[in-house]
Protein backbone atom coordinates (compact mmCIF):
# COMPACT_ATOMS: atom_id res chain seq x y z
CA UNK A 1 0.00 0.00 0.00
CA UNK A 2 1.36 3.41 -1.01
CA UNK A 3 0.23 7.01 -0.81
CA UNK A 4 -0.80 6.85 -4.46
CA UNK A 5 -3.06 3.88 -3.68
CA UNK A 6 -4.75 5.96 -0.98
CA UNK A 7 -5.18 8.90 -3.36
CA UNK A 8 -6.73 6.73 -6.05
CA UNK A 9 -9.05 5.08 -3.51
CA UNK A 10 -10.64 8.50 -2.97
CA UNK A 11 -10.77 9.37 -6.66
CA UNK A 12 -7.76 11.70 -6.54
CA UNK A 13 -5.40 11.56 -9.54
CA UNK A 14 -1.77 11.43 -8.29
CA UNK A 15 -0.76 13.55 -11.31
CA UNK A 16 -2.74 16.37 -9.71
CA UNK A 17 -0.99 16.15 -6.33
CA UNK A 18 2.15 17.75 -4.94
CA UNK A 19 3.34 16.08 -1.73
CA UNK A 20 5.02 18.28 0.88
CA UNK A 21 6.99 17.14 3.90
CA UNK A 22 7.27 20.23 6.07
CA UNK A 23 10.17 20.47 8.47
CA UNK A 24 10.97 24.07 9.43
CA UNK A 25 14.69 24.72 9.52
CA UNK A 26 14.24 27.24 12.33
CA UNK A 27 14.67 25.30 15.63
CA UNK A 28 12.20 27.45 17.58
CA UNK A 29 9.43 26.91 15.04
CA UNK A 30 10.27 23.27 14.33
CA UNK A 31 9.98 22.42 18.04
CA UNK A 32 6.29 23.40 18.19
CA UNK A 33 5.34 22.67 14.59
CA UNK A 34 3.42 19.46 15.45
CA UNK A 35 1.48 21.43 18.05
CA UNK A 36 0.57 24.03 15.43
CA UNK A 37 -0.67 21.29 13.13
CA UNK A 38 -2.81 19.90 15.96
CA UNK A 39 -4.02 23.03 17.72
CA UNK A 40 -3.66 25.91 15.25
CA UNK A 41 -4.47 24.56 11.77
CA UNK A 42 -4.75 28.10 10.40
CA UNK A 43 -1.09 28.71 11.26
CA UNK A 44 -0.02 25.41 9.75
CA UNK A 45 -1.91 26.23 6.55
CA UNK A 46 -0.42 29.73 6.39
CA UNK A 47 3.03 28.14 6.51
CA UNK A 48 2.32 26.35 3.22
CA UNK A 49 0.17 28.95 1.45
CA UNK A 50 3.19 31.00 0.44
CA UNK A 51 6.11 29.27 -1.33
CA UNK A 52 9.24 29.97 -3.32
CA UNK A 53 9.02 30.60 -7.04
CA UNK A 54 9.85 27.04 -8.13
CA UNK A 55 7.20 25.48 -5.89
CA UNK A 56 4.72 28.18 -6.91
CA UNK A 57 5.00 27.06 -10.54
CA UNK A 58 4.27 23.46 -9.58
CA UNK A 59 1.36 24.39 -7.31
CA UNK A 60 -0.22 26.30 -10.20
CA UNK A 61 -0.37 23.04 -12.17
CA UNK A 62 -1.97 20.76 -9.56
CA UNK A 63 -5.27 20.50 -7.75
CA UNK A 64 -4.10 19.16 -4.39
CA UNK A 65 -1.39 19.50 -1.77
CA UNK A 66 -0.80 16.39 0.35
CA UNK A 67 0.70 17.77 3.55
CA UNK A 68 3.00 15.89 5.87
CA UNK A 69 5.57 16.85 8.49
CA UNK A 70 8.97 15.32 9.04
CA UNK A 71 9.89 14.28 12.57
CA UNK A 72 12.30 11.41 11.86
CA UNK A 73 14.52 10.46 8.90
CA UNK A 74 12.85 8.60 6.06
CA UNK A 75 9.33 9.08 7.41
CA UNK A 76 6.51 11.56 6.94
CA UNK A 77 3.50 12.11 9.20
CA UNK A 78 0.17 12.90 7.55
CA UNK A 79 -1.60 16.18 8.31
CA UNK A 80 -4.14 16.51 5.53
CA UNK A 81 -4.99 16.77 1.85
CA UNK A 82 -5.66 20.35 0.73
CA UNK A 83 -7.49 21.45 -2.40
CA UNK A 84 -5.84 24.23 -4.40
CA UNK A 85 -8.75 26.59 -4.95
CA UNK A 86 -6.70 29.24 -6.73
CA UNK A 87 -4.18 31.92 -5.89
CA UNK A 88 -3.59 35.65 -5.97
CA UNK A 89 -0.46 37.70 -6.42
CA UNK A 90 0.29 39.97 -3.49
CA UNK A 91 2.99 42.40 -2.54
CA UNK A 92 5.35 40.55 -0.24
CA UNK A 93 4.79 43.16 2.44
CA UNK A 94 1.06 42.37 2.33
CA UNK A 95 1.77 38.64 2.73
CA UNK A 96 4.01 39.29 5.71
CA UNK A 97 1.37 41.47 7.35
CA UNK A 98 -1.22 38.70 7.38
CA UNK A 99 -1.91 37.88 11.08
CA UNK A 100 -1.10 34.18 10.70
CA UNK A 101 2.17 34.90 8.88
CA UNK A 102 3.13 37.55 11.42
CA UNK A 103 2.55 35.03 14.21
CA UNK A 104 4.70 32.45 12.42
CA UNK A 105 7.47 35.02 12.11
CA UNK A 106 7.12 35.77 15.81
CA UNK A 107 7.55 32.05 16.42
CA UNK A 108 10.82 32.03 14.53
CA UNK A 109 9.95 31.63 10.85
CA UNK A 110 12.40 33.32 8.49
CA UNK A 111 10.59 35.48 5.95
CA UNK A 112 11.71 36.05 2.35
CA UNK A 113 11.72 39.83 2.00
CA UNK A 114 13.71 39.98 -1.25
CA UNK A 115 10.84 39.32 -3.67
CA UNK A 116 8.58 42.30 -4.35
CA UNK A 117 5.54 40.05 -4.93
CA UNK A 118 4.58 36.43 -4.35
CA UNK A 119 1.64 34.13 -4.85
CA UNK A 120 -0.72 33.33 -2.01
CA UNK A 121 -2.60 30.06 -2.48
CA UNK A 122 -6.12 29.35 -1.31
CA UNK A 123 -5.70 25.89 0.25
CA UNK A 124 -8.80 24.24 1.69
CA UNK A 125 -8.66 21.05 3.73
CA UNK A 126 -10.35 18.12 2.02
CA UNK A 127 -12.38 16.72 4.90
CA UNK A 128 -13.28 13.57 2.95
CA UNK A 129 -9.68 12.30 2.68
CA UNK A 130 -8.96 10.18 5.76
CA UNK A 131 -9.34 12.98 8.34
CA UNK A 132 -9.20 10.38 11.13
CA UNK A 133 -5.59 9.59 10.11
CA UNK A 134 -4.26 13.07 10.83
CA UNK A 135 -1.15 12.61 12.96
CA UNK A 136 -1.53 8.82 12.68
CA UNK A 137 -0.67 7.86 9.09
CA UNK A 138 3.08 7.43 8.54
CA UNK A 139 4.54 6.97 5.07
CA UNK A 140 8.04 6.31 3.83
CA UNK A 141 9.92 9.36 2.52
CA UNK A 142 12.43 8.21 -0.10
CA UNK A 143 15.87 9.84 -0.26
CA UNK A 144 17.20 12.40 -0.68
CA UNK A 145 16.02 13.70 2.68
CA UNK A 146 16.44 17.36 1.70
CA UNK A 147 13.93 17.03 -1.16
CA UNK A 148 10.96 18.19 0.86
CA UNK A 149 8.38 18.18 -1.96
CA UNK A 150 7.57 15.67 -4.71
CA UNK A 151 5.06 15.18 -7.51
CA UNK A 152 2.99 12.24 -6.31
CA UNK A 153 2.83 10.41 -9.64
CA UNK A 154 6.62 10.61 -10.07
CA UNK A 155 7.43 9.35 -6.59
CA UNK A 156 7.95 5.67 -5.99
CA UNK A 157 8.35 4.15 -2.55
CA UNK A 158 5.95 6.31 -0.52
CA UNK A 159 4.76 3.16 1.19
CA UNK A 160 2.38 3.24 4.14
CA UNK A 161 4.55 2.31 7.13
CA UNK A 162 2.01 2.58 9.95
CA UNK A 163 -1.32 3.87 11.11
CA UNK A 164 -0.73 4.72 14.74
CA UNK A 165 -3.36 4.09 17.39
CA UNK A 166 -2.93 7.64 18.69
CA UNK A 167 -1.85 10.89 17.10
CA UNK A 168 1.90 11.52 17.12
CA UNK A 169 1.40 15.29 17.04
CA UNK A 170 1.50 15.59 20.83
CA UNK A 171 3.10 12.27 21.70
CA UNK A 172 6.62 13.54 22.32
CA UNK A 173 5.85 15.49 25.46
CA UNK A 174 8.57 15.57 28.13
CA UNK A 175 7.81 14.51 31.72
CA UNK A 176 6.19 17.21 33.82
CA UNK A 177 9.41 17.89 35.76
CA UNK A 178 11.32 18.50 32.51
CA UNK A 179 8.69 20.69 30.89
CA UNK A 180 9.78 24.23 30.01
CA UNK A 181 7.44 26.35 27.88
CA UNK A 182 7.78 29.84 26.50
CA UNK A 183 4.91 32.29 26.75
CA UNK A 184 4.23 31.74 23.03
CA UNK A 185 4.02 27.99 23.68
CA UNK A 186 1.11 28.47 26.07
CA UNK A 187 -1.18 29.32 23.17
CA UNK A 188 -0.45 26.06 21.33
CA UNK A 189 -0.23 23.52 24.14
CA UNK A 190 -1.39 20.17 22.76
CA UNK A 191 -4.66 18.70 23.97
CA UNK A 192 -2.96 15.86 25.82
CA UNK A 193 -0.89 18.28 27.89
CA UNK A 194 -3.87 20.53 28.58
CA UNK A 195 -5.93 17.58 29.77
CA UNK A 196 -3.16 16.56 32.16
CA UNK A 197 -2.61 20.08 33.48
CA UNK A 198 -6.32 20.43 34.15
CA UNK A 199 -5.88 17.61 36.69
CA UNK A 200 -2.57 18.79 38.16
CA UNK A 201 -2.40 21.12 41.12
CA UNK A 202 0.86 22.32 42.55
CA UNK A 203 3.57 24.97 42.40
CA UNK A 204 4.97 26.51 39.23
CA UNK A 205 7.87 28.81 38.33
CA UNK A 206 8.02 31.68 35.85
CA UNK A 207 11.45 32.95 34.85
CA UNK A 208 12.10 36.22 33.04
CA UNK A 209 15.19 35.49 30.96
CA UNK A 210 15.86 39.16 30.23
CA UNK A 211 16.10 40.40 33.83
CA UNK A 212 17.05 37.01 35.33
CA UNK A 213 14.32 37.06 37.98
CA UNK A 214 11.71 34.48 38.88
CA UNK A 215 8.15 34.20 40.14
CA UNK A 216 6.63 31.34 42.11
CA UNK A 217 2.90 30.67 42.04
CA UNK A 218 0.51 27.88 42.93
CA UNK A 219 -2.66 26.44 41.45
CA UNK A 220 -5.35 24.58 43.35
CA UNK A 221 -8.58 25.99 42.02
CA UNK A 222 -10.66 25.59 38.89
CA UNK A 223 -8.75 23.87 36.08
CA UNK A 224 -5.70 23.80 38.37
CA UNK A 225 -2.39 24.51 36.57
CA UNK A 226 -4.09 24.76 33.19
CA UNK A 227 -6.36 27.54 34.41
CA UNK A 228 -3.44 29.56 35.75
CA UNK A 229 -1.28 29.16 32.68
CA UNK A 230 -4.13 29.96 30.31
CA UNK A 231 -4.54 33.17 32.30
CA UNK A 232 -0.92 34.05 31.59
CA UNK A 233 -1.38 33.12 27.93
CA UNK A 234 -4.25 35.60 27.69
CA UNK A 235 -2.69 38.55 29.51
CA UNK A 236 1.03 37.91 29.87
CA UNK A 237 0.90 38.63 33.61
CA UNK A 238 -2.11 36.80 35.05
CA UNK A 239 -2.93 39.80 37.22
CA UNK A 240 0.38 39.69 39.12
CA UNK A 241 1.69 43.19 39.81
CA UNK A 242 5.42 42.75 39.18
CA UNK A 243 4.90 40.56 36.13
CA UNK A 244 3.02 43.41 34.44
CA UNK A 245 6.34 45.15 33.76
CA UNK A 246 7.85 42.06 32.10
CA UNK A 247 7.96 41.33 28.40
CA UNK A 248 5.81 38.16 28.07
CA UNK A 249 8.02 36.87 25.26
CA UNK A 250 10.89 36.61 27.76
CA UNK A 251 8.94 34.42 30.18
CA UNK A 252 9.53 30.69 30.62
CA UNK A 253 7.14 28.41 32.51
CA UNK A 254 7.91 25.21 34.42
CA UNK A 255 6.42 23.09 37.20
CA UNK A 256 8.28 22.89 40.50
CA UNK A 257 6.08 20.45 42.40
CA UNK A 258 2.86 18.53 41.91
CA UNK A 259 0.67 17.80 44.92
CA UNK A 260 -2.22 15.53 45.73
CA UNK A 261 -5.46 16.57 43.99
CA UNK A 262 -7.29 16.62 47.33
CA UNK A 263 -4.67 18.67 49.21
CA UNK A 264 -6.40 21.69 50.78
CA UNK A 265 -5.61 25.01 49.04
CA UNK A 266 -4.14 26.44 52.25
CA UNK A 267 -1.55 23.67 52.34
CA UNK A 268 -0.71 24.25 48.68
CA UNK A 269 -0.03 27.90 49.53
CA UNK A 270 2.25 26.82 52.36
CA UNK A 271 4.28 24.73 49.91
CA UNK A 272 4.34 27.69 47.52
CA UNK A 273 5.81 29.89 50.25
CA UNK A 274 8.63 27.42 50.91
CA UNK A 275 9.58 27.59 47.23
CA UNK A 276 9.55 31.39 47.31
CA UNK A 277 11.97 31.27 50.20
CA UNK A 278 14.26 28.67 48.63
CA UNK A 279 14.37 30.35 45.23
CA UNK A 280 14.57 33.94 46.60
CA UNK A 281 11.71 35.13 44.41
CA UNK A 282 10.33 37.76 46.76
CA UNK A 283 11.01 41.34 45.72
CA UNK A 284 13.44 42.94 45.22
CA UNK A 285 15.44 39.82 44.29
CA UNK A 286 12.47 38.24 42.53
CA UNK A 287 9.04 38.97 41.05
CA UNK A 288 6.81 37.95 43.97
CA UNK A 289 5.45 40.95 45.83
CA UNK A 290 4.36 38.94 48.89
């Protein structure tokens, strides 16, 4: 069984398909790219809607983009099949000002500013092409590894290697005591992590890498750690006085200690205070004002 067999089974002509294996070269973006595919499909799509001139010419000749991401050598993980519903030519500055593109740039994407204009493709997800296999279908990616796009009908060896029981898009999460997220990461936390954090109560640490100061907080109320961190994602400071003066993009979030889910809130606060003392996070040496 190959990718072309799957295309034909849904009435899609492989001659009308360009296959892309996205793997951002920017480390910051590549690290969260599976999360974007899972949680922010509009950002993932924006990443592929604008291409270099050579790929533009190919995309103008086909009807579909089969999108995959590369997480390991010789393999590609399925995201979706997109219909090419047309394109428009835009000034590059207008492309870069699109909110989704601007957010990708903020997440580390390198923008091509040398071209005065570029094409912007209208790519629409084909919901009738194995949507349940998103993040689960793995195909072989023939060498050379650096060839990140192929014409489907000219590509041999794109064999189906596996259909995973669970999505791989959020499978590679580190243990809770090794988790370090940037403020930008909070907006794209994968569902599996959010579900776990909704159950976790405990003490967390926020570090401002620009001023080298930290903040200790605790969570034992509604939605536990998830509720607190989503508050920071929304405001950048979560209502904390000294954090208001910090640049949110310099903040890093980690978990210091998890506690029993039935531990009384007052006892959680006591544990929080011991961490403030040990880590010297009370002002003026830190960002806690109490």
